[in-house]
Every structure is written in C-alpha cells, then in structure tokens.
Amino acid sequence: MNTKEYISSGIIESYILGHASPEEAGILECVMKNNAEVKAAFEEAQTTLEHLATAQAVTPPSDLKSKIWNKIQQEQVVEEVAPVLSADIPEVGRQTENNTDRKEIQRNTPWKTYAIAASVLFLVSVAGNFFWMNSQSANKNEMSLLIADKKHQDQVMEKMNQKIDMFSNPDMQMVMLKGVEKHTDAKAMVFWDKKTKEVYLNAEKLPKAPAGMQYQLWAIDDGKPVDAGMYTEDKDSRIALANIPEAQAFAITLEKEGGSKVPTMENMFVMGGI
C-alpha cells in the first residue's frame, strides 16, 4: 500500500475519532514520524474535523438555570412548626421554647439555603454536561457519515478513473453485450486486453443477482463456450476474471453460486460478438 492509498484508507479519520485499534494507532503514529505527507494529511483532517465540531456545537438554553431554580422553588415544601400550647405549661416556659425554636430555625436556615444553592449548581452542571455530550455525539455521528460518504465518493471516482484508463488504452478491445430476448434491457461491457489476453467485465447494467446465484462470463471460441470467470461487484472493471487467448463472442449467464461447467442457456442475459 503506497502513501496515497494509506491516507485514503480512512485510518487517519478513525484515529482522530478514537475508533482505531491500538495496533492501527501505533502504526499511524510511527508512520507520521517518518512520513511528512501522512503527517500533513493527519493535521489537515484534524483541523477539518475540529472546525466541523465547532460549527455544530450546541449551546445549552440561556434560560435553563432559571427554569431549574423555579422548579425547585415550586416543589420546595416549607414546614411551619406551630407550637402546641398547654394550660399546664407556664408562660415563661412557652417563651423559652419559642426563643429556642427561633434560634434553631436561624441556625438551620443558612444550611438549607446552601443546600438548595448547591443543588441548583449541581443540576445546572449535569444539564450542561448532558447538552455537551449530546452535541458531541451528534457531531461524531455526522462526522462518521461524512467519512463514509467520502469513502463512497472515492470508490466511485476510483472506478470511473479505471474505466477511463481502459477506454483510453489502445490495447484494450471493448465488446458490447446486449440483452437477449428475455432480458432486452440488460447490458454489459467486456474489456479484453489484446496484449495480456485478460478480460474485465463491467456489469452494472445487469439486475442484481438473487441470493445463491452468480453471473458467469463465457467466451465463445470456435462455437464452443469457454468459462471466462465469475463476476462479483467488487471485481467490476477492476479485476481480471480470466485469461482468454481467443474468442469470437462473449455471453453472460446466471448460474448457481460458484459457477457451472456449461452455460445454462435459458438463463442467458446478454451476448455480443467481436
């Protein structure tokens, strides 16, 4: 894997988001020490993600503190202690008890105030942390989506560039395969390298193969079908399916997964002559 492939693999973004394994993180840190291009890509990605996180930050509502305070005041139960007077208790005793109660209330009142204030600060802190965690989670999700979308776009661009290279290669012979009677809308393109004799297949215009089934390419040589390889989406226009020295035509059939020794003619989708 060269430097550009390593950068575009997504390991840098995974490392910044904390998704990389310890082994991946160790390798990246080692590479950055010895490769200026990778280090520059890391710094650029880090700056981009930091800007995105800042732009998407969520600030707690300005009235959150007052709402919490009002809620506490509404739910606070004020206990009023009403002294029980008895005819058997002397007046002086009653006054002494009242004075004692007032002093006790005065001693307790500051602690209650401090407790309520502490509760308010605690709730504001919890609420702030809650909003911060939600915003961070939302930012991470959005960044993950952006990274996934970038990877998809890179794959699409890579495939397009490969097709352009094939079209511009003078040694590459293109064979258009058109749909047969049962599948008139189906299309495919065979790229046959006349030097290496390797065949590539672009079959994006074929219907998606059902579960347990797979498309198989056939080369027709002297009227006989020759197995030219099994098609999968990851091979499309990228990986050679087979080496075919001679052929007068190509065709594609839908076979059981793994392929067949002979083509199932009733399952033929496209065919084209050279």
Protein backbone atom coordinates (compact mmCIF):
# COMPACT_ATOMS: atom_id res chain seq x y z
CA MET A 1 0.00 0.00 0.00
CA ASN A 2 1.53 3.35 -1.05
CA THR A 3 1.23 6.66 0.83
CA LYS A 4 -1.86 7.90 -1.03
CA GLU A 5 -3.69 4.61 -0.54
CA TYR A 6 -2.82 4.64 3.17
CA ILE A 7 -4.13 8.21 3.55
CA SER A 8 -7.36 7.47 1.67
CA SER A 9 -7.98 4.25 3.66
CA GLY A 10 -9.73 6.22 6.41
CA ILE A 11 -7.30 5.24 9.19
CA ILE A 12 -6.49 8.89 9.92
CA GLU A 13 -10.14 9.81 10.49
CA SER A 14 -10.68 6.66 12.57
CA TYR A 15 -7.67 7.56 14.73
CA ILE A 16 -8.95 11.11 15.33
CA LEU A 17 -12.43 9.83 16.26
CA GLY A 18 -10.96 7.21 18.60
CA HIS A 19 -12.15 4.23 16.53
CA ALA A 20 -8.72 2.89 15.57
CA SER A 21 -7.40 -0.21 17.31
CA PRO A 22 -4.21 0.06 19.41
CA GLU A 23 -2.26 -1.66 16.62
CA GLU A 24 -3.61 0.72 13.95
CA ALA A 25 -2.94 3.74 16.17
CA GLY A 26 0.63 2.61 16.84
CA ILE A 27 1.33 2.09 13.14
CA LEU A 28 -0.10 5.51 12.22
CA GLU A 29 1.92 7.29 14.91
CA CYS A 30 5.07 5.56 13.67
CA VAL A 31 4.31 6.42 10.03
CA MET A 32 3.65 10.10 10.89
CA LYS A 33 7.10 10.35 12.47
CA ASN A 34 8.76 9.17 9.26
CA ASN A 35 6.41 10.41 6.54
CA ALA A 36 5.77 14.14 6.16
CA GLU A 37 2.92 13.60 3.69
CA VAL A 38 0.97 11.39 6.12
CA LYS A 39 1.61 13.83 8.98
CA ALA A 40 0.35 16.74 6.84
CA ALA A 41 -2.77 14.74 5.93
CA PHE A 42 -3.36 14.00 9.62
CA GLU A 43 -3.09 17.68 10.59
CA GLU A 44 -5.43 18.69 7.75
CA ALA A 45 -8.03 16.06 8.75
CA GLN A 46 -7.77 17.08 12.41
CA THR A 47 -8.33 20.74 11.53
CA THR A 48 -11.30 19.88 9.31
CA LEU A 49 -12.97 17.77 11.98
CA GLU A 50 -12.32 20.40 14.66
CA HIS A 51 -13.95 23.08 12.51
CA LEU A 52 -16.91 20.80 11.92
CA ALA A 53 -17.29 20.10 15.65
CA THR A 54 -17.14 23.82 16.43
CA ALA A 55 -19.68 24.68 13.76
CA GLN A 56 -22.08 22.02 15.01
CA ALA A 57 -21.68 22.74 18.76
CA VAL A 58 -24.92 23.02 20.74
CA THR A 59 -25.14 25.67 23.49
CA PRO A 60 -27.47 24.97 26.48
CA PRO A 61 -30.56 27.25 26.50
CA SER A 62 -29.92 30.57 28.26
CA ASP A 63 -32.99 30.19 30.48
CA LEU A 64 -32.06 26.69 31.68
CA LYS A 65 -30.72 27.87 35.05
CA SER A 66 -33.80 29.97 35.85
CA LYS A 67 -36.14 27.12 34.88
CA ILE A 68 -34.35 24.73 37.24
CA TRP A 69 -34.45 27.29 40.07
CA ASN A 70 -38.18 27.95 39.58
CA LYS A 71 -38.87 24.21 39.57
CA ILE A 72 -37.06 23.78 42.88
CA GLN A 73 -38.97 26.68 44.46
CA GLN A 74 -42.31 25.26 43.29
CA GLU A 75 -41.57 21.82 44.70
CA GLN A 76 -39.97 23.02 47.96
CA VAL A 77 -42.12 22.25 50.95
CA VAL A 78 -41.90 24.82 53.69
CA GLU A 79 -42.56 23.19 57.01
CA GLU A 80 -44.03 25.56 59.55
CA VAL A 81 -43.73 24.41 63.13
CA ALA A 82 -46.77 25.57 65.15
CA PRO A 83 -46.11 25.43 68.89
CA VAL A 84 -48.68 23.48 70.87
CA LEU A 85 -49.75 25.46 73.89
CA SER A 86 -50.93 23.76 77.04
CA ALA A 87 -52.65 25.28 80.00
CA ASP A 88 -50.34 23.27 82.24
CA ILE A 89 -47.16 24.92 80.86
CA PRO A 90 -46.15 28.22 82.43
CA GLU A 91 -45.93 31.34 80.22
CA VAL A 92 -42.21 31.65 80.82
CA GLY A 93 -41.70 28.10 79.60
CA ARG A 94 -43.60 28.83 76.43
CA GLN A 95 -41.49 31.93 75.73
CA THR A 96 -38.31 29.95 76.36
CA GLU A 97 -39.43 27.27 73.87
CA ASN A 98 -40.31 29.91 71.26
CA ASN A 99 -36.92 31.59 71.65
CA THR A 100 -35.19 28.23 71.37
CA ASP A 101 -37.19 27.35 68.21
CA ARG A 102 -36.37 30.67 66.60
CA LYS A 103 -32.67 30.20 67.30
CA GLU A 104 -32.83 26.67 65.92
CA ILE A 105 -34.55 27.89 62.75
CA GLN A 106 -31.98 30.67 62.39
CA ARG A 107 -29.18 28.13 62.70
CA ASN A 108 -30.79 25.77 60.16
CA THR A 109 -31.82 28.38 57.58
CA PRO A 110 -28.33 29.11 56.15
CA TRP A 111 -27.64 25.39 55.69
CA LYS A 112 -30.91 24.93 53.83
CA THR A 113 -30.04 27.87 51.60
CA TYR A 114 -26.58 26.46 50.90
CA ALA A 115 -28.06 23.03 50.18
CA ILE A 116 -30.57 24.47 47.69
CA ALA A 117 -27.87 26.57 46.00
CA ALA A 118 -25.60 23.54 45.76
CA SER A 119 -28.45 21.51 44.29
CA VAL A 120 -29.09 24.20 41.68
CA LEU A 121 -25.42 24.34 40.69
CA PHE A 122 -25.28 20.56 40.52
CA LEU A 123 -28.35 20.36 38.28
CA VAL A 124 -27.02 23.12 36.02
CA SER A 125 -23.72 21.25 35.76
CA VAL A 126 -25.49 17.97 34.97
CA ALA A 127 -27.70 19.68 32.39
CA GLY A 128 -24.69 21.36 30.80
CA ASN A 129 -22.84 18.06 30.61
CA PHE A 130 -25.94 16.43 29.13
CA PHE A 131 -26.17 19.04 26.36
CA TRP A 132 -22.43 18.82 25.74
CA MET A 133 -22.49 15.01 25.48
CA ASN A 134 -25.48 15.14 23.13
CA SER A 135 -23.77 17.71 20.92
CA GLN A 136 -20.55 15.67 20.87
CA SER A 137 -22.48 12.50 19.98
CA ALA A 138 -24.31 14.31 17.18
CA ASN A 139 -21.02 15.71 15.87
CA LYS A 140 -19.38 12.27 15.90
CA ASN A 141 -22.35 10.73 14.07
CA GLU A 142 -22.27 13.46 11.44
CA MET A 143 -18.52 13.15 11.02
CA SER A 144 -18.86 9.37 10.63
CA LEU A 145 -21.48 9.91 7.92
CA LEU A 146 -19.22 12.41 6.16
CA ILE A 147 -16.29 10.00 6.30
CA ALA A 148 -18.43 7.14 4.96
CA ASP A 149 -19.74 9.38 2.18
CA LYS A 150 -16.20 10.45 1.31
CA LYS A 151 -15.08 6.82 1.12
CA HIS A 152 -18.01 6.03 -1.18
CA GLN A 153 -17.22 9.00 -3.40
CA ASP A 154 -13.56 7.96 -3.53
CA GLN A 155 -14.58 4.45 -4.60
CA VAL A 156 -16.87 5.83 -7.30
CA MET A 157 -14.11 8.13 -8.55
CA GLU A 158 -11.58 5.31 -8.50
CA LYS A 159 -13.86 3.08 -10.57
CA MET A 160 -14.53 5.93 -13.01
CA ASN A 161 -10.80 6.58 -13.44
CA GLN A 162 -10.21 2.88 -14.09
CA LYS A 163 -12.86 2.89 -16.80
CA ILE A 164 -11.33 6.00 -18.36
CA ASP A 165 -7.93 4.28 -18.38
CA MET A 166 -9.46 1.24 -20.09
CA PHE A 167 -11.25 3.37 -22.70
CA SER A 168 -8.05 5.25 -23.48
CA ASN A 169 -5.85 2.11 -23.63
CA PRO A 170 -5.21 1.31 -27.33
CA ASP A 171 -4.58 -2.35 -26.46
CA MET A 172 -7.97 -2.75 -24.83
CA GLN A 173 -10.73 -4.11 -27.04
CA MET A 174 -14.27 -3.30 -25.91
CA VAL A 175 -17.09 -5.72 -26.64
CA MET A 176 -20.65 -4.53 -26.04
CA LEU A 177 -23.00 -7.25 -24.78
CA LYS A 178 -26.69 -6.62 -25.42
CA GLY A 179 -29.72 -8.19 -23.75
CA VAL A 180 -31.25 -11.28 -25.30
CA GLU A 181 -34.97 -11.83 -25.89
CA LYS A 182 -35.97 -12.35 -22.23
CA HIS A 183 -33.77 -9.53 -20.94
CA THR A 184 -33.81 -6.79 -23.56
CA ASP A 185 -32.92 -4.02 -21.06
CA ALA A 186 -29.77 -5.78 -19.81
CA LYS A 187 -26.35 -4.54 -20.92
CA ALA A 188 -22.72 -5.28 -20.13
CA MET A 189 -19.26 -4.43 -21.45
CA VAL A 190 -16.24 -6.72 -21.79
CA PHE A 191 -12.75 -5.20 -21.83
CA TRP A 192 -10.30 -7.59 -23.49
CA ASP A 193 -6.61 -6.74 -23.26
CA LYS A 194 -5.13 -7.91 -26.55
CA LYS A 195 -1.62 -7.98 -25.09
CA THR A 196 -2.16 -9.80 -21.81
CA LYS A 197 -5.33 -11.60 -23.00
CA GLU A 198 -7.02 -10.71 -19.70
CA VAL A 199 -10.75 -9.97 -19.71
CA TYR A 200 -12.51 -7.47 -17.43
CA LEU A 201 -16.24 -7.08 -17.07
CA ASN A 202 -18.45 -4.08 -16.39
CA ALA A 203 -21.89 -5.48 -15.49
CA GLU A 204 -23.52 -2.59 -13.60
CA LYS A 205 -26.47 -2.66 -16.02
CA LEU A 206 -27.38 -6.23 -15.13
CA PRO A 207 -30.07 -6.90 -12.49
CA LYS A 208 -28.75 -7.73 -9.04
CA ALA A 209 -28.17 -11.48 -8.79
CA PRO A 210 -30.60 -13.29 -6.44
CA ALA A 211 -29.30 -14.92 -3.28
CA GLY A 212 -27.39 -18.10 -4.07
CA MET A 213 -26.90 -17.11 -7.73
CA GLN A 214 -23.98 -15.52 -9.58
CA TYR A 215 -23.27 -14.19 -13.07
CA GLN A 216 -20.76 -16.16 -15.14
CA LEU A 217 -18.91 -14.84 -18.18
CA TRP A 218 -18.39 -17.09 -21.20
CA ALA A 219 -16.07 -16.70 -24.19
CA ILE A 220 -17.28 -18.30 -27.42
CA ASP A 221 -14.33 -19.83 -29.29
CA ASP A 222 -14.97 -21.85 -32.45
CA GLY A 223 -18.62 -22.14 -31.43
CA LYS A 224 -17.78 -23.62 -28.01
CA PRO A 225 -18.38 -21.83 -24.69
CA VAL A 226 -15.26 -21.36 -22.52
CA ASP A 227 -15.53 -20.37 -18.85
CA ALA A 228 -14.29 -16.78 -18.58
CA GLY A 229 -14.78 -16.29 -14.84
CA MET A 230 -17.32 -15.49 -12.14
CA TYR A 231 -18.49 -11.92 -11.69
CA THR A 232 -18.79 -10.10 -8.36
CA GLU A 233 -19.44 -6.41 -7.75
CA ASP A 234 -16.02 -5.85 -6.18
CA LYS A 235 -14.37 -7.15 -9.39
CA ASP A 236 -16.35 -4.83 -11.68
CA SER A 237 -13.90 -3.24 -14.18
CA ARG A 238 -11.10 -3.71 -11.60
CA ILE A 239 -10.01 -7.34 -11.50
CA ALA A 240 -9.45 -9.62 -14.48
CA LEU A 241 -11.91 -12.53 -14.50
CA ALA A 242 -9.86 -14.83 -16.74
CA ASN A 243 -7.22 -15.11 -19.44
CA ILE A 244 -8.81 -15.76 -22.84
CA PRO A 245 -6.38 -16.27 -25.78
CA GLU A 246 -9.05 -16.44 -28.50
CA ALA A 247 -12.76 -15.64 -28.78
CA GLN A 248 -15.32 -14.62 -31.35
CA ALA A 249 -18.02 -13.58 -28.87
CA PHE A 250 -18.85 -13.25 -25.18
CA ALA A 251 -22.01 -14.03 -23.20
CA ILE A 252 -23.22 -13.93 -19.59
CA THR A 253 -25.49 -16.43 -17.85
CA LEU A 254 -26.93 -16.57 -14.35
CA GLU A 255 -25.69 -19.68 -12.58
CA LYS A 256 -25.69 -21.15 -9.10
CA GLU A 257 -23.12 -19.50 -6.84
CA GLY A 258 -19.68 -20.84 -7.71
CA GLY A 259 -20.43 -21.32 -11.40
CA SER A 260 -21.16 -24.11 -13.85
CA LYS A 261 -19.10 -26.21 -16.27
CA VAL A 262 -21.54 -25.48 -19.08
CA PRO A 263 -23.77 -22.41 -19.56
CA THR A 264 -27.46 -22.62 -18.67
CA MET A 265 -28.86 -21.31 -21.94
CA GLU A 266 -32.31 -20.43 -20.58
CA ASN A 267 -30.57 -18.15 -18.06
CA MET A 268 -28.56 -16.21 -20.62
CA PHE A 269 -28.87 -12.42 -20.12
CA VAL A 270 -26.54 -10.75 -22.64
CA MET A 271 -24.36 -11.66 -25.64
CA GLY A 272 -22.12 -9.80 -28.07
CA GLY A 273 -19.85 -10.63 -30.99
CA ILE A 274 -16.38 -9.26 -31.64
